[in-house]
Each structure stands twice: as C-alpha cells, then as structure tokens.
Amino acid sequence: MEHEDPLVTAEWLKENITAPDVRVVDATWFPPFLNMEKTGRQAWSEGHIPGSVYFDIDAIKAGGTDLPHMLPDPVMFSSRVRKLGIGDGNRIIVYDQFKFFASARVWWMLRVMGQKDVKVLDGGLQAWIDAGGELEDLPPVPVERHFTARVRSDLVKDANQVLAASEAGSHTIIDSRSPERFSGDAPEPREDLPSGHIPGSICQPSGELRTPDDRLKSADELRTLFADPTAPTIATCGSGVSAAVTALALARLGNWDVAVYDGSWTEWASDSSRPIAKGAA
C-alpha cells in the first residue's frame, strides 16, 4: 500500500508470485531514438517472468493526438487492463527490461486510475534472473477481471497547469532529461523540437536515481538529490516516461503525490508561444 516502499525485491516476488491475487506486468519499452533491434513486446515474447502479461504504453494510450503514449481516458484504460487480467483486488507488480523507464510509467498510470496496491520490481527482469527466477516464452491466457477506475486527477498535469505552476512558483518542477538537453546545448532526439527547459524547473536526470545495476537508489542516497522531497512537485521529461521514475523515487521518500506532466517537453516545446529557458538550472 502507499505508506510502504513503492518497490519490491526479486526475492519477495519469488516468494509471492503464486499468490492468487498477485498479477505481474511486463512494461518493457525502448525509446524510439535508440533504434533498438527489437520492440518491448518482442523482448517480452522472447522471455518473461512466468505469468506476466505485456502492457504496451504505445497501445494503451489516448487517441486523437500526435503526442506519444498520452494517458487514455478511464473507460479505454479499464477496458484494456481488464483484458490483461488486471482488476480490483489485485496486487500488481510491474517490471521491465530497460532501466525502470516504462515500469515506473505503468506504475504511475495505474495509480492515476485509482489502483493503490501496485509496485515496481526493483532491478527489473535482470534482478529476477539474478535471484534464480525462471523465464518462460509462452504468453499467458489471462482471465478478464473487473477494473474500477477512480481517477486521481491530482497526479497528472497538462500544459496550462504547468505554465501556471511555473509562473507562480507553486510547485517544484523537476526535469528528468539530460543536463545538455535541459540547458539547450544538445539537440532533442525528436526532429525540429528545440531544446531548453520550462522556466523555473530543476534538472535531475532520471539516470542519477539508479544504481549501476539499474536498481533504484536507497532512500538515504535519494535524499541527497532532492532539496525538498516533500514539496508539491511536478515531474517532466521528454515524453512523460522517465518523469515517472522521478515520481517513483520521491514516493520512496514518502511523497506519493508527485504529478507527472503527461505531454512533457514534446508538447511544451512544440508550441512556440510557450516560454523556453536556456542554460543550466
């Protein structure tokens, strides 16, 4: 539950994976600019934690927008996750095969839709393998369950809300992108998108929140990276994925109310009327 650590260990999962209320979700996603040889779904199909279903953030998304993997409406979300066998009364464990990216995003999405008992597997699939966990390549046959969406609108922000927070200084705005993209010294991976940052925001790259073996840093280590972990906070990044890693890290420090700017820099910088700051934080 939300007063606990938002992550579980591979050892915990090995002991609890056969519990009837536990559902394991593979959320592997590779940023398109990395030009990976496989998709997240292909990675899952080649080998996954037994019984895990695949949650595709590029498929379970809002329609009618050019922005990538935006949060869908609760009706569409509920319909999709029910078909994955995810529903009321489940304990949901999300993992991925790439640096917490999408597992944190799916953790956040489920929480926006009202799910409280959802956690991330610390270290992802590799931690499971290192703990002696087995893999399977056969897709499970999930039993559809009822999923009741109770939307927490406070956990998601749009461009107008972020602009207001930037102008008023009402929230700490944390940008998870690299310092070079934040300062405007490096180009954005998305063509024709200017680099820079939202005025008043702080650069805290999501990569610095992880250990070398891709586990989330301890609470003591994370506290050194945030000036005020309990402050009202909006997390942003390139397209709303790595920002969720910031939200996950702050939840480990007790701040469960961090909002994610869903459109993030892709939306912000695509409108020339929005202010863009340059230089280091």
Protein backbone atom coordinates (compact mmCIF):
# COMPACT_ATOMS: atom_id res chain seq x y z
CA MET A 1 0.00 0.00 0.00
CA GLU A 2 1.03 3.64 -0.36
CA HIS A 3 2.64 4.07 3.05
CA GLU A 4 5.15 1.36 2.15
CA ASP A 5 8.08 1.26 -0.25
CA PRO A 6 6.83 1.50 -3.84
CA LEU A 7 9.22 -1.26 -4.90
CA VAL A 8 9.58 -4.96 -4.15
CA THR A 9 12.64 -7.17 -4.45
CA ALA A 10 13.01 -10.14 -6.74
CA GLU A 11 13.22 -12.34 -3.65
CA TRP A 12 9.85 -11.05 -2.46
CA LEU A 13 8.33 -11.74 -5.86
CA LYS A 14 9.70 -15.29 -5.92
CA GLU A 15 8.02 -15.96 -2.59
CA ASN A 16 4.69 -14.39 -3.56
CA ILE A 17 4.28 -14.92 -7.30
CA THR A 18 1.92 -17.87 -6.86
CA ALA A 19 -0.44 -15.92 -4.59
CA PRO A 20 -3.87 -15.81 -6.26
CA ASP A 21 -4.15 -12.02 -6.05
CA VAL A 22 -0.71 -11.20 -7.48
CA ARG A 23 -0.53 -10.04 -11.10
CA VAL A 24 2.82 -9.46 -12.80
CA VAL A 25 3.06 -6.98 -15.66
CA ASP A 26 5.94 -6.59 -18.14
CA ALA A 27 6.09 -2.96 -19.30
CA THR A 28 9.28 -3.09 -21.39
CA TRP A 29 9.59 -0.12 -23.73
CA PHE A 30 12.58 1.18 -25.65
CA PRO A 31 12.79 4.87 -26.60
CA PRO A 32 12.49 5.06 -30.39
CA PHE A 33 15.60 7.21 -30.80
CA LEU A 34 17.74 4.32 -29.51
CA ASN A 35 16.92 2.35 -32.66
CA MET A 36 16.78 -0.94 -30.80
CA GLU A 37 16.65 -4.14 -32.85
CA LYS A 38 13.51 -5.30 -31.05
CA THR A 39 10.37 -3.84 -29.56
CA GLY A 40 9.31 -4.18 -25.96
CA ARG A 41 6.67 -6.71 -26.95
CA GLN A 42 9.29 -8.78 -28.79
CA ALA A 43 11.55 -8.69 -25.74
CA TRP A 44 8.64 -9.91 -23.59
CA SER A 45 7.75 -12.68 -26.05
CA GLU A 46 11.33 -13.97 -26.04
CA GLY A 47 11.39 -14.37 -22.28
CA HIS A 48 9.41 -13.05 -19.34
CA ILE A 49 8.59 -13.73 -15.72
CA PRO A 50 6.12 -16.65 -15.67
CA GLY A 51 2.54 -15.49 -15.96
CA SER A 52 3.39 -11.89 -16.76
CA VAL A 53 1.24 -10.04 -19.27
CA TYR A 54 2.56 -7.34 -21.58
CA PHE A 55 1.45 -3.72 -21.07
CA ASP A 56 2.24 -1.68 -24.17
CA ILE A 57 2.33 2.05 -23.40
CA ASP A 58 2.25 2.78 -27.13
CA ALA A 59 -1.04 0.88 -27.47
CA ILE A 60 -2.79 1.72 -24.20
CA LYS A 61 -2.83 5.45 -24.87
CA ALA A 62 -5.08 8.35 -25.79
CA GLY A 63 -6.22 8.72 -29.38
CA GLY A 64 -6.65 11.90 -31.36
CA THR A 65 -3.23 13.36 -30.59
CA ASP A 66 0.21 13.34 -32.17
CA LEU A 67 1.82 13.23 -28.74
CA PRO A 68 3.27 9.83 -27.84
CA HIS A 69 1.64 7.45 -25.34
CA MET A 70 -0.59 10.03 -23.62
CA LEU A 71 -2.76 8.82 -20.75
CA PRO A 72 -6.03 7.37 -22.11
CA ASP A 73 -9.44 8.09 -20.67
CA PRO A 74 -10.61 5.81 -17.82
CA VAL A 75 -13.08 3.88 -19.99
CA MET A 76 -10.45 2.89 -22.54
CA PHE A 77 -7.88 2.19 -19.83
CA SER A 78 -10.25 -0.04 -17.87
CA SER A 79 -11.21 -1.96 -20.99
CA ARG A 80 -7.60 -2.67 -21.90
CA VAL A 81 -6.33 -3.68 -18.46
CA ARG A 82 -9.36 -5.93 -17.84
CA LYS A 83 -8.34 -7.93 -20.87
CA LEU A 84 -4.89 -8.31 -19.33
CA GLY A 85 -6.48 -9.94 -16.28
CA ILE A 86 -5.82 -6.92 -14.09
CA GLY A 87 -8.66 -5.86 -11.85
CA ASP A 88 -9.99 -4.90 -8.47
CA GLY A 89 -8.39 -6.65 -5.53
CA ASN A 90 -5.14 -7.45 -7.32
CA ARG A 91 -1.65 -6.79 -6.06
CA ILE A 92 0.15 -5.62 -9.18
CA ILE A 93 3.91 -5.90 -9.70
CA VAL A 94 5.30 -4.06 -12.72
CA TYR A 95 8.75 -4.67 -14.17
CA ASP A 96 10.65 -4.00 -17.35
CA GLN A 97 13.86 -4.87 -19.12
CA PHE A 98 15.18 -1.34 -19.58
CA LYS A 99 16.19 0.96 -16.74
CA PHE A 100 12.81 1.40 -14.96
CA PHE A 101 11.54 3.55 -17.82
CA ALA A 102 8.15 2.11 -18.56
CA SER A 103 7.66 0.14 -15.36
CA ALA A 104 7.60 3.45 -13.48
CA ARG A 105 5.29 4.90 -16.15
CA VAL A 106 2.81 2.00 -15.86
CA TRP A 107 3.03 2.19 -12.05
CA TRP A 108 2.04 5.86 -12.32
CA MET A 109 -0.73 5.17 -14.88
CA LEU A 110 -2.31 2.54 -12.66
CA ARG A 111 -2.18 4.89 -9.68
CA VAL A 112 -3.77 7.71 -11.69
CA MET A 113 -6.60 5.28 -12.41
CA GLY A 114 -7.07 4.61 -8.71
CA GLN A 115 -5.05 1.44 -8.16
CA LYS A 116 -3.30 1.64 -4.79
CA ASP A 117 -1.65 -1.76 -4.47
CA VAL A 118 0.84 -1.50 -7.33
CA LYS A 119 4.61 -1.74 -7.02
CA VAL A 120 7.68 -1.91 -9.22
CA LEU A 121 10.15 -4.77 -9.27
CA ASP A 122 13.48 -3.27 -8.21
CA GLY A 123 16.12 -4.09 -10.80
CA GLY A 124 13.60 -5.38 -13.32
CA LEU A 125 13.96 -8.63 -15.20
CA GLN A 126 17.70 -8.86 -14.59
CA ALA A 127 17.16 -8.82 -10.82
CA TRP A 128 14.68 -11.69 -11.25
CA ILE A 129 17.24 -13.68 -13.24
CA ASP A 130 20.00 -12.90 -10.73
CA ALA A 131 17.74 -14.21 -7.95
CA GLY A 132 17.38 -17.52 -9.76
CA GLY A 133 13.96 -16.80 -11.19
CA GLU A 134 12.86 -18.78 -14.22
CA LEU A 135 11.66 -17.34 -17.53
CA GLU A 136 9.02 -18.51 -19.95
CA ASP A 137 8.28 -17.58 -23.55
CA LEU A 138 4.67 -18.72 -23.75
CA PRO A 139 2.04 -15.98 -23.44
CA PRO A 140 -0.34 -16.43 -20.50
CA VAL A 141 -4.08 -16.73 -21.01
CA PRO A 142 -5.43 -14.06 -18.65
CA VAL A 143 -8.92 -14.26 -17.18
CA GLU A 144 -10.70 -10.95 -17.65
CA ARG A 145 -11.46 -9.14 -14.40
CA HIS A 146 -13.45 -6.06 -13.49
CA PHE A 147 -11.34 -2.92 -13.08
CA THR A 148 -12.91 0.09 -11.41
CA ALA A 149 -11.22 3.34 -12.42
CA ARG A 150 -11.21 6.05 -9.77
CA VAL A 151 -9.21 8.79 -11.43
CA ARG A 152 -6.72 10.77 -9.35
CA SER A 153 -6.53 13.94 -11.43
CA ASP A 154 -4.01 15.43 -8.99
CA LEU A 155 -1.34 13.03 -10.29
CA VAL A 156 -1.40 14.33 -13.87
CA LYS A 157 -0.81 17.87 -15.16
CA ASP A 158 -1.43 19.48 -18.53
CA ALA A 159 0.49 22.32 -20.21
CA ASN A 160 -1.70 25.09 -18.82
CA GLN A 161 -1.35 23.81 -15.28
CA VAL A 162 2.41 23.54 -15.67
CA LEU A 163 2.60 27.06 -17.08
CA ALA A 164 0.64 28.37 -14.11
CA ALA A 165 2.91 26.49 -11.69
CA SER A 166 5.99 27.83 -13.48
CA GLU A 167 4.79 31.42 -13.30
CA ALA A 168 3.58 31.22 -9.69
CA GLY A 169 6.42 29.09 -8.34
CA SER A 170 3.78 26.96 -6.63
CA HIS A 171 5.49 23.64 -7.38
CA THR A 172 8.96 22.25 -7.71
CA ILE A 173 9.22 21.29 -11.39
CA ILE A 174 11.80 18.53 -11.90
CA ASP A 175 13.06 17.75 -15.41
CA SER A 176 14.36 14.20 -15.85
CA ARG A 177 16.21 14.81 -19.13
CA SER A 178 19.99 15.17 -19.51
CA PRO A 179 21.71 18.40 -18.43
CA GLU A 180 22.70 19.06 -22.05
CA ARG A 181 19.11 18.90 -23.32
CA PHE A 182 17.91 20.88 -20.30
CA SER A 183 20.43 23.68 -20.90
CA GLY A 184 19.75 23.81 -24.63
CA ASP A 185 23.31 22.77 -25.53
CA ALA A 186 22.28 19.41 -27.04
CA PRO A 187 19.53 18.81 -29.59
CA GLU A 188 16.37 16.97 -28.75
CA PRO A 189 16.06 13.44 -30.23
CA ARG A 190 12.74 14.45 -31.78
CA GLU A 191 13.31 16.27 -35.04
CA ASP A 192 12.59 20.02 -35.17
CA LEU A 193 11.95 20.23 -31.43
CA PRO A 194 14.00 22.94 -29.70
CA SER A 195 15.88 22.07 -26.53
CA GLY A 196 15.90 24.02 -23.29
CA HIS A 197 13.61 23.82 -20.29
CA ILE A 198 10.46 25.08 -18.62
CA PRO A 199 11.32 28.32 -16.77
CA GLY A 200 11.95 27.71 -13.10
CA SER A 201 12.41 23.97 -13.46
CA ILE A 202 15.26 21.93 -11.98
CA CYS A 203 17.35 19.37 -13.82
CA GLN A 204 17.59 15.99 -12.08
CA PRO A 205 18.33 13.30 -14.68
CA SER A 206 16.48 10.07 -14.06
CA GLY A 207 19.67 8.11 -14.68
CA GLU A 208 21.15 9.53 -11.49
CA LEU A 209 18.33 7.95 -9.48
CA ARG A 210 19.53 4.45 -10.36
CA THR A 211 22.48 2.38 -9.19
CA PRO A 212 24.93 0.93 -11.74
CA ASP A 213 22.94 -2.33 -11.76
CA ASP A 214 19.69 -0.46 -12.54
CA ARG A 215 18.07 -0.61 -9.14
CA LEU A 216 16.56 2.46 -7.53
CA LYS A 217 18.94 4.14 -5.14
CA SER A 218 18.28 3.80 -1.42
CA ALA A 219 16.23 6.40 0.42
CA ASP A 220 19.37 7.83 2.02
CA GLU A 221 21.05 8.19 -1.37
CA LEU A 222 17.96 9.71 -2.96
CA ARG A 223 17.57 12.33 -0.21
CA THR A 224 20.88 13.88 -1.26
CA LEU A 225 19.48 14.54 -4.75
CA PHE A 226 16.32 16.45 -3.79
CA ALA A 227 16.35 19.76 -1.94
CA ASP A 228 12.85 19.22 -0.51
CA PRO A 229 11.40 15.79 -1.30
CA THR A 230 8.09 16.66 0.38
CA ALA A 231 7.38 19.81 -1.65
CA PRO A 232 4.49 19.88 -4.14
CA THR A 233 6.20 18.56 -7.25
CA ILE A 234 5.60 18.17 -10.98
CA ALA A 235 7.89 15.76 -12.86
CA THR A 236 8.57 16.26 -16.54
CA CYS A 237 10.87 14.76 -19.19
CA GLY A 238 10.84 14.21 -22.95
CA SER A 239 7.51 12.42 -23.36
CA GLY A 240 6.25 11.57 -19.87
CA VAL A 241 8.07 8.28 -19.34
CA SER A 242 11.27 8.92 -17.37
CA ALA A 243 9.41 11.60 -15.38
CA ALA A 244 7.60 8.70 -13.70
CA VAL A 245 10.98 7.46 -12.42
CA THR A 246 11.24 10.75 -10.53
CA ALA A 247 7.76 10.19 -9.11
CA LEU A 248 8.77 6.66 -8.08
CA ALA A 249 11.91 7.92 -6.36
CA LEU A 250 10.02 10.58 -4.44
CA ALA A 251 7.42 8.01 -3.41
CA ARG A 252 10.29 6.03 -1.87
CA LEU A 253 10.96 9.19 0.15
CA GLY A 254 7.33 9.41 1.25
CA ASN A 255 5.96 11.86 -1.32
CA TRP A 256 3.22 9.88 -3.06
CA ASP A 257 1.55 12.92 -4.60
CA VAL A 258 4.06 13.87 -7.31
CA ALA A 259 2.27 14.78 -10.53
CA VAL A 260 3.61 13.95 -14.00
CA TYR A 261 3.32 16.44 -16.84
CA ASP A 262 1.99 13.94 -19.34
CA GLY A 263 2.83 15.83 -22.55
CA SER A 264 6.22 16.85 -21.16
CA TRP A 265 8.82 18.52 -23.38
CA THR A 266 7.38 17.08 -26.59
CA GLU A 267 4.18 19.04 -26.00
CA TRP A 268 5.70 22.08 -24.32
CA ALA A 269 8.33 22.86 -26.96
CA SER A 270 6.02 22.17 -29.91
CA ASP A 271 4.12 25.39 -29.18
CA SER A 272 6.23 28.47 -29.87
CA SER A 273 4.04 30.58 -27.59
CA ARG A 274 5.29 28.76 -24.50
CA PRO A 275 8.39 30.17 -22.80
CA ILE A 276 11.65 28.23 -23.10
CA ALA A 277 14.59 28.87 -20.82
CA LYS A 278 18.20 28.09 -21.69
CA GLY A 279 21.28 27.49 -19.59
CA ALA A 280 21.98 25.44 -16.50
CA ALA A 281 19.50 25.35 -13.64
